[in-house]
Amino acid sequence: MSITANTLRHAALRARDAAALAQDELNAADGRMGDGDTGVMLRRLFEAIAAAIPARENDIGLVFQACAKACASGTGSSLGTLVTVAMMTLAKATKGRGEIGWDELGGLLASVRDQMMARGGAKLGDKTIVDIIDAVAVAVMPCRTREEVVAAARKEARDTLDAYRDRPNKLGRARMFGDKTVGLDDPGMLAFSRLLAAVAA
């Protein structure tokens, strides 16, 4: 079974609900090293995305394009900008496609990682959302089925959060807290892990 526009519609609804549930947790995580609004921003973003997906569109690229437009107008936050970049990257890569194989997901995530790094200035190892996307992209690269992708992605997301928790943040407002961020989860990484867990359910 492959990924279709319908897969994306269901995933968007799960992501919207997960973002709402995680709002307070993400705000608290962000409040320790930033503005404390990551949860609110993420909830608004995925409410907009879920509402924007066309009900009868089968072109996956056009579905992602609608998501990108919703993101662009949904929030002015840095996280919102990165999610917009992700959606635009996926829209371009899947334009005209009615389905995507699960074995293509690793390559698509790698493209998202690269575009996020180019736009946001993050490097691997900076303790940002880019690190967890990179880890999951690499982990799912050899996977061929949904079951394999889900198992590999879930494990890698958990392991990456654990691996980076005891490192300092090196980018954005969080870097100003330096070693005080050691022992804390990066809010962007935490957000990605919560969304992934919901979408992969």
N, C-alpha and C. Protein backbone atom coordinates (compact mmCIF):
# COMPACT_ATOMS: atom_id res chain seq x y z
N MET A 1 0.83 -1.19 0.00
CA MET A 1 0.00 0.00 0.00
C MET A 1 0.88 1.25 0.00
N SER A 2 0.53 2.24 -0.81
CA SER A 2 1.35 3.43 -0.95
C SER A 2 0.72 4.64 -0.24
N ILE A 3 1.43 5.75 -0.30
CA ILE A 3 0.94 7.00 0.28
C ILE A 3 0.13 7.73 -0.78
N THR A 4 -1.09 8.12 -0.44
CA THR A 4 -1.96 8.84 -1.37
C THR A 4 -2.41 10.16 -0.73
N ALA A 5 -3.17 10.94 -1.49
CA ALA A 5 -3.72 12.18 -0.95
C ALA A 5 -4.62 11.88 0.25
N ASN A 6 -5.30 10.76 0.20
CA ASN A 6 -6.16 10.38 1.32
C ASN A 6 -5.34 10.08 2.57
N THR A 7 -4.17 9.47 2.38
CA THR A 7 -3.25 9.23 3.50
C THR A 7 -2.89 10.55 4.16
N LEU A 8 -2.62 11.56 3.34
CA LEU A 8 -2.24 12.87 3.85
C LEU A 8 -3.39 13.54 4.60
N ARG A 9 -4.61 13.38 4.08
CA ARG A 9 -5.77 13.96 4.76
C ARG A 9 -5.93 13.39 6.17
N HIS A 10 -5.83 12.08 6.28
CA HIS A 10 -5.95 11.44 7.60
C HIS A 10 -4.79 11.85 8.51
N ALA A 11 -3.58 11.93 7.94
CA ALA A 11 -2.40 12.31 8.73
C ALA A 11 -2.54 13.74 9.26
N ALA A 12 -3.08 14.63 8.43
CA ALA A 12 -3.25 16.03 8.84
C ALA A 12 -4.21 16.16 10.01
N LEU A 13 -5.26 15.36 10.00
CA LEU A 13 -6.23 15.40 11.11
C LEU A 13 -5.59 14.88 12.40
N ARG A 14 -4.80 13.82 12.28
CA ARG A 14 -4.12 13.29 13.47
C ARG A 14 -3.08 14.29 13.99
N ALA A 15 -2.37 14.94 13.06
CA ALA A 15 -1.37 15.93 13.46
C ALA A 15 -2.04 17.13 14.14
N ARG A 16 -3.17 17.55 13.60
CA ARG A 16 -3.91 18.67 14.21
C ARG A 16 -4.30 18.35 15.65
N ASP A 17 -4.84 17.15 15.86
CA ASP A 17 -5.26 16.75 17.21
C ASP A 17 -4.06 16.60 18.14
N ALA A 18 -2.96 16.07 17.61
CA ALA A 18 -1.75 15.89 18.43
C ALA A 18 -1.15 17.23 18.82
N ALA A 19 -1.17 18.19 17.90
CA ALA A 19 -0.64 19.52 18.20
C ALA A 19 -1.45 20.19 19.30
N ALA A 20 -2.76 20.00 19.27
CA ALA A 20 -3.62 20.58 20.31
C ALA A 20 -3.32 19.94 21.67
N LEU A 21 -3.16 18.62 21.68
CA LEU A 21 -2.87 17.91 22.92
C LEU A 21 -1.50 18.28 23.49
N ALA A 22 -0.55 18.55 22.60
CA ALA A 22 0.83 18.82 23.04
C ALA A 22 1.08 20.30 23.30
N GLN A 23 0.08 21.15 23.11
CA GLN A 23 0.29 22.59 23.19
C GLN A 23 0.95 23.02 24.50
N ASP A 24 0.40 22.61 25.63
CA ASP A 24 0.94 23.05 26.92
C ASP A 24 2.35 22.51 27.16
N GLU A 25 2.56 21.24 26.80
CA GLU A 25 3.89 20.64 26.96
C GLU A 25 4.93 21.39 26.13
N LEU A 26 4.59 21.73 24.90
CA LEU A 26 5.53 22.42 24.01
C LEU A 26 5.75 23.86 24.44
N ASN A 27 4.70 24.53 24.90
CA ASN A 27 4.86 25.89 25.42
C ASN A 27 5.82 25.89 26.62
N ALA A 28 5.66 24.90 27.49
CA ALA A 28 6.52 24.81 28.68
C ALA A 28 7.97 24.55 28.28
N ALA A 29 8.17 23.64 27.32
CA ALA A 29 9.53 23.33 26.85
C ALA A 29 10.17 24.56 26.23
N ASP A 30 9.39 25.30 25.45
CA ASP A 30 9.90 26.50 24.80
C ASP A 30 10.13 27.63 25.80
N GLY A 31 9.31 27.66 26.84
CA GLY A 31 9.44 28.71 27.85
C GLY A 31 10.74 28.64 28.62
N ARG A 32 11.36 27.47 28.63
CA ARG A 32 12.63 27.31 29.34
C ARG A 32 13.80 27.89 28.55
N MET A 33 13.58 28.16 27.26
CA MET A 33 14.70 28.65 26.44
C MET A 33 14.25 29.58 25.31
N GLY A 34 13.02 30.06 25.38
CA GLY A 34 12.53 30.92 24.30
C GLY A 34 11.30 31.69 24.71
N ASP A 35 10.40 31.92 23.75
CA ASP A 35 9.22 32.74 23.98
C ASP A 35 8.08 32.00 24.66
N GLY A 36 8.15 30.69 24.68
CA GLY A 36 7.08 29.91 25.29
C GLY A 36 5.83 29.80 24.45
N ASP A 37 5.99 29.94 23.12
CA ASP A 37 4.81 29.92 22.26
C ASP A 37 4.83 28.82 21.20
N THR A 38 5.78 27.90 21.28
CA THR A 38 5.86 26.84 20.26
C THR A 38 4.57 26.03 20.17
N GLY A 39 3.99 25.71 21.32
CA GLY A 39 2.75 24.93 21.32
C GLY A 39 1.60 25.64 20.65
N VAL A 40 1.44 26.92 20.95
CA VAL A 40 0.37 27.71 20.33
C VAL A 40 0.58 27.80 18.83
N MET A 41 1.81 28.09 18.42
CA MET A 41 2.12 28.22 17.00
C MET A 41 1.86 26.92 16.25
N LEU A 42 2.28 25.80 16.85
CA LEU A 42 2.11 24.51 16.20
C LEU A 42 0.62 24.16 16.06
N ARG A 43 -0.14 24.44 17.11
CA ARG A 43 -1.58 24.16 17.04
C ARG A 43 -2.23 24.97 15.93
N ARG A 44 -1.90 26.25 15.85
CA ARG A 44 -2.48 27.10 14.80
C ARG A 44 -2.08 26.62 13.41
N LEU A 45 -0.83 26.24 13.27
CA LEU A 45 -0.33 25.76 11.98
C LEU A 45 -1.11 24.55 11.50
N PHE A 46 -1.25 23.57 12.38
CA PHE A 46 -1.87 22.32 11.93
C PHE A 46 -3.39 22.39 11.89
N GLU A 47 -3.98 23.34 12.60
CA GLU A 47 -5.40 23.62 12.38
C GLU A 47 -5.59 24.17 10.97
N ALA A 48 -4.70 25.09 10.58
CA ALA A 48 -4.78 25.69 9.25
C ALA A 48 -4.53 24.66 8.15
N ILE A 49 -3.54 23.79 8.38
CA ILE A 49 -3.21 22.75 7.39
C ILE A 49 -4.38 21.79 7.21
N ALA A 50 -4.94 21.31 8.32
CA ALA A 50 -6.04 20.35 8.24
C ALA A 50 -7.25 20.94 7.52
N ALA A 51 -7.48 22.24 7.75
CA ALA A 51 -8.63 22.90 7.12
C ALA A 51 -8.39 23.19 5.64
N ALA A 52 -7.12 23.30 5.25
CA ALA A 52 -6.79 23.73 3.89
C ALA A 52 -6.71 22.59 2.88
N ILE A 53 -6.56 21.36 3.35
CA ILE A 53 -6.40 20.25 2.41
C ILE A 53 -7.69 20.04 1.60
N PRO A 54 -7.58 20.11 0.27
CA PRO A 54 -8.77 19.92 -0.56
C PRO A 54 -9.36 18.52 -0.41
N ALA A 55 -10.67 18.45 -0.29
CA ALA A 55 -11.34 17.18 0.01
C ALA A 55 -11.27 16.18 -1.14
N ARG A 56 -11.21 16.67 -2.38
CA ARG A 56 -11.28 15.73 -3.51
C ARG A 56 -10.07 15.81 -4.43
N GLU A 57 -8.99 16.37 -3.96
CA GLU A 57 -7.77 16.46 -4.78
C GLU A 57 -6.94 15.19 -4.63
N ASN A 58 -6.56 14.59 -5.75
CA ASN A 58 -5.76 13.36 -5.72
C ASN A 58 -4.28 13.59 -6.01
N ASP A 59 -3.94 14.78 -6.52
CA ASP A 59 -2.55 15.12 -6.82
C ASP A 59 -1.84 15.46 -5.50
N ILE A 60 -0.91 14.61 -5.09
CA ILE A 60 -0.23 14.81 -3.81
C ILE A 60 0.51 16.14 -3.76
N GLY A 61 1.11 16.51 -4.88
CA GLY A 61 1.82 17.78 -4.94
C GLY A 61 0.91 18.97 -4.68
N LEU A 62 -0.31 18.93 -5.21
CA LEU A 62 -1.26 20.02 -5.00
C LEU A 62 -1.78 20.03 -3.56
N VAL A 63 -1.86 18.87 -2.95
CA VAL A 63 -2.25 18.80 -1.53
C VAL A 63 -1.17 19.48 -0.68
N PHE A 64 0.09 19.15 -0.93
CA PHE A 64 1.18 19.79 -0.19
C PHE A 64 1.24 21.29 -0.48
N GLN A 65 0.92 21.67 -1.71
CA GLN A 65 0.91 23.09 -2.07
C GLN A 65 -0.15 23.84 -1.26
N ALA A 66 -1.31 23.25 -1.11
CA ALA A 66 -2.37 23.86 -0.30
C ALA A 66 -1.92 23.98 1.16
N CYS A 67 -1.21 22.97 1.64
CA CYS A 67 -0.67 23.01 3.01
C CYS A 67 0.35 24.14 3.16
N ALA A 68 1.20 24.30 2.16
CA ALA A 68 2.22 25.35 2.19
C ALA A 68 1.58 26.73 2.26
N LYS A 69 0.54 26.94 1.46
CA LYS A 69 -0.15 28.24 1.47
C LYS A 69 -0.79 28.50 2.83
N ALA A 70 -1.37 27.46 3.41
CA ALA A 70 -1.98 27.61 4.74
C ALA A 70 -0.94 27.95 5.79
N CYS A 71 0.22 27.31 5.71
CA CYS A 71 1.32 27.57 6.65
C CYS A 71 1.81 29.00 6.53
N ALA A 72 1.97 29.45 5.30
CA ALA A 72 2.53 30.78 5.04
C ALA A 72 1.66 31.87 5.64
N SER A 73 0.36 31.65 5.67
CA SER A 73 -0.54 32.67 6.22
C SER A 73 -0.95 32.36 7.66
N GLY A 74 -0.58 31.17 8.14
CA GLY A 74 -1.03 30.73 9.45
C GLY A 74 -0.26 31.32 10.62
N THR A 75 1.02 31.58 10.45
CA THR A 75 1.84 32.10 11.55
C THR A 75 3.12 32.71 11.00
N GLY A 76 3.63 33.69 11.72
CA GLY A 76 4.88 34.32 11.30
C GLY A 76 6.08 33.82 12.07
N SER A 77 5.92 32.73 12.80
CA SER A 77 7.00 32.22 13.64
C SER A 77 8.08 31.54 12.80
N SER A 78 9.26 31.37 13.40
CA SER A 78 10.36 30.69 12.70
C SER A 78 10.00 29.23 12.43
N LEU A 79 9.30 28.60 13.37
CA LEU A 79 8.86 27.22 13.16
C LEU A 79 7.87 27.15 12.00
N GLY A 80 6.97 28.12 11.94
CA GLY A 80 6.02 28.18 10.84
C GLY A 80 6.70 28.32 9.50
N THR A 81 7.76 29.12 9.47
CA THR A 81 8.52 29.29 8.23
C THR A 81 9.14 27.97 7.80
N LEU A 82 9.69 27.23 8.74
CA LEU A 82 10.32 25.95 8.42
C LEU A 82 9.30 24.91 7.95
N VAL A 83 8.12 24.91 8.57
CA VAL A 83 7.06 23.99 8.13
C VAL A 83 6.61 24.36 6.72
N THR A 84 6.53 25.66 6.45
CA THR A 84 6.18 26.12 5.10
C THR A 84 7.21 25.64 4.09
N VAL A 85 8.48 25.78 4.44
CA VAL A 85 9.57 25.30 3.57
C VAL A 85 9.42 23.80 3.31
N ALA A 86 9.11 23.05 4.37
CA ALA A 86 8.93 21.60 4.23
C ALA A 86 7.80 21.28 3.26
N MET A 87 6.67 21.96 3.42
CA MET A 87 5.51 21.70 2.55
C MET A 87 5.80 22.08 1.10
N MET A 88 6.50 23.19 0.90
CA MET A 88 6.84 23.62 -0.46
C MET A 88 7.80 22.63 -1.12
N THR A 89 8.75 22.14 -0.34
CA THR A 89 9.71 21.15 -0.85
C THR A 89 8.98 19.87 -1.27
N LEU A 90 8.06 19.42 -0.43
CA LEU A 90 7.30 18.21 -0.73
C LEU A 90 6.36 18.42 -1.92
N ALA A 91 5.79 19.61 -2.02
CA ALA A 91 4.90 19.92 -3.14
C ALA A 91 5.65 19.84 -4.47
N LYS A 92 6.83 20.40 -4.49
CA LYS A 92 7.63 20.39 -5.71
C LYS A 92 8.05 18.97 -6.08
N ALA A 93 8.42 18.19 -5.08
CA ALA A 93 8.92 16.83 -5.33
C ALA A 93 7.82 15.86 -5.76
N THR A 94 6.58 16.16 -5.40
CA THR A 94 5.49 15.20 -5.66
C THR A 94 4.46 15.73 -6.65
N LYS A 95 4.75 16.82 -7.30
CA LYS A 95 3.81 17.42 -8.26
C LYS A 95 3.40 16.42 -9.33
N GLY A 96 2.10 16.28 -9.54
CA GLY A 96 1.59 15.38 -10.57
C GLY A 96 1.50 13.93 -10.15
N ARG A 97 1.87 13.63 -8.91
CA ARG A 97 1.87 12.24 -8.44
C ARG A 97 0.56 11.91 -7.72
N GLY A 98 0.02 10.74 -8.00
CA GLY A 98 -1.17 10.27 -7.32
C GLY A 98 -0.86 9.36 -6.16
N GLU A 99 0.38 8.88 -6.11
CA GLU A 99 0.81 8.04 -5.00
C GLU A 99 2.33 8.08 -4.87
N ILE A 100 2.79 7.79 -3.66
CA ILE A 100 4.23 7.75 -3.36
C ILE A 100 4.50 6.43 -2.66
N GLY A 101 5.59 5.79 -3.01
CA GLY A 101 5.97 4.56 -2.32
C GLY A 101 6.58 4.88 -0.97
N TRP A 102 6.38 3.98 -0.01
CA TRP A 102 6.98 4.17 1.32
C TRP A 102 8.50 4.19 1.23
N ASP A 103 9.03 3.55 0.19
CA ASP A 103 10.49 3.54 0.02
C ASP A 103 11.03 4.89 -0.47
N GLU A 104 10.15 5.83 -0.80
CA GLU A 104 10.58 7.17 -1.23
C GLU A 104 10.62 8.16 -0.07
N LEU A 105 10.07 7.77 1.06
CA LEU A 105 9.91 8.71 2.16
C LEU A 105 11.24 9.23 2.71
N GLY A 106 12.23 8.35 2.81
CA GLY A 106 13.54 8.76 3.31
C GLY A 106 14.16 9.85 2.46
N GLY A 107 14.08 9.69 1.15
CA GLY A 107 14.62 10.69 0.23
C GLY A 107 13.88 12.01 0.32
N LEU A 108 12.56 11.95 0.48
CA LEU A 108 11.77 13.17 0.61
C LEU A 108 12.11 13.91 1.90
N LEU A 109 12.26 13.17 2.99
CA LEU A 109 12.65 13.80 4.26
C LEU A 109 14.05 14.40 4.19
N ALA A 110 14.93 13.75 3.47
CA ALA A 110 16.29 14.28 3.29
C ALA A 110 16.24 15.61 2.53
N SER A 111 15.35 15.70 1.54
CA SER A 111 15.18 16.96 0.80
C SER A 111 14.65 18.06 1.70
N VAL A 112 13.70 17.70 2.56
CA VAL A 112 13.16 18.67 3.53
C VAL A 112 14.27 19.15 4.46
N ARG A 113 15.06 18.22 4.96
CA ARG A 113 16.20 18.56 5.83
C ARG A 113 17.13 19.56 5.15
N ASP A 114 17.48 19.29 3.91
CA ASP A 114 18.42 20.15 3.19
C ASP A 114 17.86 21.55 2.99
N GLN A 115 16.59 21.64 2.63
CA GLN A 115 15.97 22.95 2.41
C GLN A 115 15.80 23.72 3.71
N MET A 116 15.50 23.02 4.79
CA MET A 116 15.40 23.67 6.10
C MET A 116 16.76 24.23 6.53
N MET A 117 17.82 23.46 6.29
CA MET A 117 19.16 23.93 6.64
C MET A 117 19.53 25.15 5.82
N ALA A 118 19.18 25.14 4.55
CA ALA A 118 19.49 26.27 3.67
C ALA A 118 18.72 27.52 4.10
N ARG A 119 17.48 27.34 4.51
CA ARG A 119 16.63 28.48 4.87
C ARG A 119 16.92 28.99 6.28
N GLY A 120 17.06 28.07 7.23
CA GLY A 120 17.18 28.47 8.62
C GLY A 120 18.60 28.63 9.14
N GLY A 121 19.58 28.13 8.38
CA GLY A 121 20.97 28.27 8.80
C GLY A 121 21.45 27.24 9.80
N ALA A 122 20.61 26.25 10.10
CA ALA A 122 21.02 25.22 11.06
C ALA A 122 22.02 24.26 10.44
N LYS A 123 22.90 23.75 11.29
CA LYS A 123 23.82 22.69 10.88
C LYS A 123 23.47 21.45 11.70
N LEU A 124 23.81 20.29 11.16
CA LEU A 124 23.59 19.06 11.92
C LEU A 124 24.42 19.12 13.20
N GLY A 125 23.80 18.79 14.31
CA GLY A 125 24.48 18.86 15.60
C GLY A 125 24.14 20.11 16.40
N ASP A 126 23.36 21.04 15.80
CA ASP A 126 22.99 22.27 16.51
C ASP A 126 21.87 22.07 17.53
N LYS A 127 21.30 20.86 17.57
CA LYS A 127 20.17 20.54 18.44
C LYS A 127 18.93 21.32 18.02
N THR A 128 18.49 21.05 16.79
CA THR A 128 17.28 21.66 16.26
C THR A 128 16.42 20.57 15.62
N ILE A 129 15.27 20.97 15.11
CA ILE A 129 14.38 20.05 14.42
C ILE A 129 15.07 19.36 13.24
N VAL A 130 16.06 20.04 12.67
CA VAL A 130 16.81 19.47 11.54
C VAL A 130 17.48 18.15 11.94
N ASP A 131 17.97 18.07 13.16
CA ASP A 131 18.67 16.86 13.61
C ASP A 131 17.74 15.65 13.68
N ILE A 132 16.54 15.85 14.15
CA ILE A 132 15.62 14.72 14.26
C ILE A 132 15.07 14.32 12.89
N ILE A 133 14.88 15.31 12.01
CA ILE A 133 14.44 14.99 10.64
C ILE A 133 15.54 14.21 9.92
N ASP A 134 16.78 14.63 10.10
CA ASP A 134 17.91 13.92 9.48
C ASP A 134 17.98 12.48 9.97
N ALA A 135 17.86 12.30 11.28
CA ALA A 135 17.96 10.96 11.86
C ALA A 135 16.85 10.05 11.35
N VAL A 136 15.63 10.56 11.29
CA VAL A 136 14.50 9.76 10.81
C VAL A 136 14.64 9.48 9.32
N ALA A 137 15.10 10.47 8.55
CA ALA A 137 15.29 10.26 7.11
C ALA A 137 16.27 9.12 6.85
N VAL A 138 17.38 9.13 7.56
CA VAL A 138 18.39 8.08 7.39
C VAL A 138 17.83 6.73 7.84
N ALA A 139 17.09 6.73 8.93
CA ALA A 139 16.56 5.47 9.48
C ALA A 139 15.55 4.81 8.56
N VAL A 140 14.72 5.62 7.88
CA VAL A 140 13.67 5.02 7.03
C VAL A 140 14.13 4.79 5.59
N MET A 141 15.32 5.24 5.26
CA MET A 141 15.81 5.12 3.88
C MET A 141 15.71 3.68 3.34
N PRO A 142 16.09 2.66 4.11
CA PRO A 142 16.02 1.29 3.57
C PRO A 142 14.64 0.64 3.70
N CYS A 143 13.67 1.34 4.30
CA CYS A 143 12.36 0.75 4.55
C CYS A 143 11.52 0.69 3.27
N ARG A 144 10.70 -0.34 3.18
CA ARG A 144 9.89 -0.55 1.97
C ARG A 144 8.39 -0.57 2.24
N THR A 145 7.98 -0.74 3.48
CA THR A 145 6.56 -0.82 3.82
C THR A 145 6.22 0.18 4.92
N ARG A 146 4.92 0.43 5.08
CA ARG A 146 4.48 1.34 6.14
C ARG A 146 4.92 0.83 7.50
N GLU A 147 4.78 -0.46 7.71
CA GLU A 147 5.14 -1.04 9.01
C GLU A 147 6.61 -0.81 9.32
N GLU A 148 7.47 -1.02 8.32
CA GLU A 148 8.91 -0.80 8.51
C GLU A 148 9.21 0.67 8.79
N VAL A 149 8.57 1.55 8.03
CA VAL A 149 8.79 2.99 8.20
C VAL A 149 8.36 3.43 9.59
N VAL A 150 7.18 3.01 10.02
CA VAL A 150 6.65 3.41 11.33
C VAL A 150 7.57 2.95 12.45
N ALA A 151 7.99 1.69 12.41
CA ALA A 151 8.86 1.15 13.46
C ALA A 151 10.20 1.88 13.51
N ALA A 152 10.81 2.08 12.35
CA ALA A 152 12.12 2.74 12.29
C ALA A 152 12.02 4.21 12.71
N ALA A 153 10.98 4.90 12.24
CA ALA A 153 10.83 6.33 12.53
C ALA A 153 10.56 6.57 14.01
N ARG A 154 9.68 5.78 14.58
CA ARG A 154 9.37 5.93 16.01
C ARG A 154 10.60 5.72 16.88
N LYS A 155 11.33 4.65 16.60
CA LYS A 155 12.52 4.34 17.39
C LYS A 155 13.57 5.45 17.25
N GLU A 156 13.79 5.89 16.02
CA GLU A 156 14.83 6.89 15.79
C GLU A 156 14.46 8.23 16.41
N ALA A 157 13.19 8.59 16.37
CA ALA A 157 12.76 9.85 16.99
C ALA A 157 13.01 9.81 18.49
N ARG A 158 12.64 8.71 19.13
CA ARG A 158 12.88 8.57 20.58
C ARG A 158 14.38 8.62 20.89
N ASP A 159 15.15 7.85 20.13
CA ASP A 159 16.59 7.77 20.38
C ASP A 159 17.28 9.12 20.16
N THR A 160 16.82 9.86 19.15
CA THR A 160 17.44 11.16 18.86
C THR A 160 17.12 12.18 19.94
N LEU A 161 15.89 12.20 20.40
CA LEU A 161 15.54 13.08 21.53
C LEU A 161 16.42 12.78 22.73
N ASP A 162 16.57 11.50 23.04
CA ASP A 162 17.40 11.09 24.17
C ASP A 162 18.86 11.49 23.97
N ALA A 163 19.37 11.30 22.76
CA ALA A 163 20.78 11.57 22.46
C ALA A 163 21.12 13.05 22.56
N TYR A 164 20.16 13.91 22.19
CA TYR A 164 20.44 15.35 22.16
C TYR A 164 20.07 16.07 23.46
N ARG A 165 19.34 15.41 24.32
CA ARG A 165 18.87 16.07 25.54
C ARG A 165 20.02 16.65 26.35
N ASP A 166 21.12 15.94 26.43
CA ASP A 166 22.24 16.39 27.26
C ASP A 166 23.28 17.19 26.49
N ARG A 167 22.86 17.75 25.36
CA ARG A 167 23.73 18.66 24.60
C ARG A 167 23.16 20.07 24.67
N PRO A 168 24.00 21.09 24.48
CA PRO A 168 23.49 22.47 24.47
C PRO A 168 22.90 22.84 23.11
N ASN A 169 21.91 23.73 23.13
CA ASN A 169 21.38 24.28 21.88
C ASN A 169 22.38 25.28 21.30
N LYS A 170 22.53 25.25 19.98
CA LYS A 170 23.54 26.11 19.35
C LYS A 170 22.96 27.08 18.33
N LEU A 171 21.64 27.19 18.28
CA LEU A 171 21.03 28.06 17.27
C LEU A 171 19.81 28.77 17.84
N GLY A 172 19.53 29.94 17.31
CA GLY A 172 18.33 30.68 17.70
C GLY A 172 18.42 31.25 19.10
N ARG A 173 17.27 31.65 19.62
CA ARG A 173 17.21 32.24 20.96
C ARG A 173 17.77 31.29 22.02
N ALA A 174 17.55 29.99 21.82
CA ALA A 174 17.99 29.00 22.81
C ALA A 174 19.50 29.00 23.02
N ARG A 175 20.25 29.37 21.99
CA ARG A 175 21.72 29.33 22.12
C ARG A 175 22.21 30.32 23.17
N MET A 176 21.43 31.37 23.43
CA MET A 176 21.83 32.37 24.42
C MET A 176 21.82 31.79 25.84
N PHE A 177 21.10 30.69 26.02
CA PHE A 177 21.05 30.05 27.33
C PHE A 177 22.20 29.07 27.52
N GLY A 178 22.91 28.78 26.43
CA GLY A 178 24.12 27.96 26.49
C GLY A 178 23.94 26.65 27.22
N ASP A 179 24.78 26.43 28.22
CA ASP A 179 24.78 25.16 28.95
C ASP A 179 23.52 24.94 29.78
N LYS A 180 22.72 26.00 29.96
CA LYS A 180 21.45 25.83 30.69
C LYS A 180 20.45 24.99 29.89
N THR A 181 20.71 24.84 28.59
CA THR A 181 19.82 24.01 27.77
C THR A 181 20.20 22.53 27.83
N VAL A 182 21.34 22.23 28.46
CA VAL A 182 21.72 20.83 28.66
C VAL A 182 20.72 20.18 29.62
N GLY A 183 20.21 19.03 29.23
CA GLY A 183 19.21 18.34 30.03
C GLY A 183 17.78 18.67 29.61
N LEU A 184 17.63 19.58 28.63
CA LEU A 184 16.31 19.97 28.15
C LEU A 184 16.10 19.49 26.71
N ASP A 185 14.86 19.17 26.38
CA ASP A 185 14.53 18.83 24.99
C ASP A 185 14.39 20.11 24.18
N ASP A 186 14.90 20.09 22.95
CA ASP A 186 14.66 21.20 22.05
C ASP A 186 13.17 21.20 21.67
N PRO A 187 12.49 22.34 21.75
CA PRO A 187 11.05 22.37 21.47
C PRO A 187 10.68 21.91 20.06
N GLY A 188 11.50 22.27 19.07
CA GLY A 188 11.23 21.84 17.70
C GLY A 188 11.36 20.34 17.53
N MET A 189 12.38 19.77 18.14
CA MET A 189 12.57 18.32 18.08
C MET A 189 11.42 17.61 18.81
N LEU A 190 11.03 18.16 19.95
CA LEU A 190 9.94 17.57 20.72
C LEU A 190 8.64 17.63 19.93
N ALA A 191 8.41 18.76 19.27
CA ALA A 191 7.20 18.92 18.44
C ALA A 191 7.17 17.88 17.33
N PHE A 192 8.29 17.71 16.65
CA PHE A 192 8.35 16.72 15.56
C PHE A 192 8.06 15.32 16.08
N SER A 193 8.62 14.99 17.24
CA SER A 193 8.42 13.65 17.79
C SER A 193 6.96 13.40 18.16
N ARG A 194 6.28 14.44 18.69
CA ARG A 194 4.87 14.29 19.05
C ARG A 194 3.99 14.14 17.80
N LEU A 195 4.29 14.91 16.77
CA LEU A 195 3.53 14.81 15.53
C LEU A 195 3.76 13.45 14.86
N LEU A 196 5.01 13.02 14.86
CA LEU A 196 5.35 11.73 14.26
C LEU A 196 4.61 10.59 14.95
N ALA A 197 4.60 10.62 16.28
CA ALA A 197 3.93 9.57 17.03
C ALA A 197 2.45 9.49 16.67
N ALA A 198 1.84 10.66 16.47
CA ALA A 198 0.41 10.69 16.14
C ALA A 198 0.15 10.22 14.72
N VAL A 199 0.94 10.70 13.79
CA VAL A 199 0.75 10.36 12.38
C VAL A 199 1.04 8.88 12.14
N ALA A 200 1.98 8.34 12.90
CA ALA A 200 2.37 6.94 12.72
C ALA A 200 1.47 5.96 13.48
N ALA A 201 0.51 6.50 14.22
CA ALA A 201 -0.37 5.63 15.03
C ALA A 201 -1.26 4.75 14.16
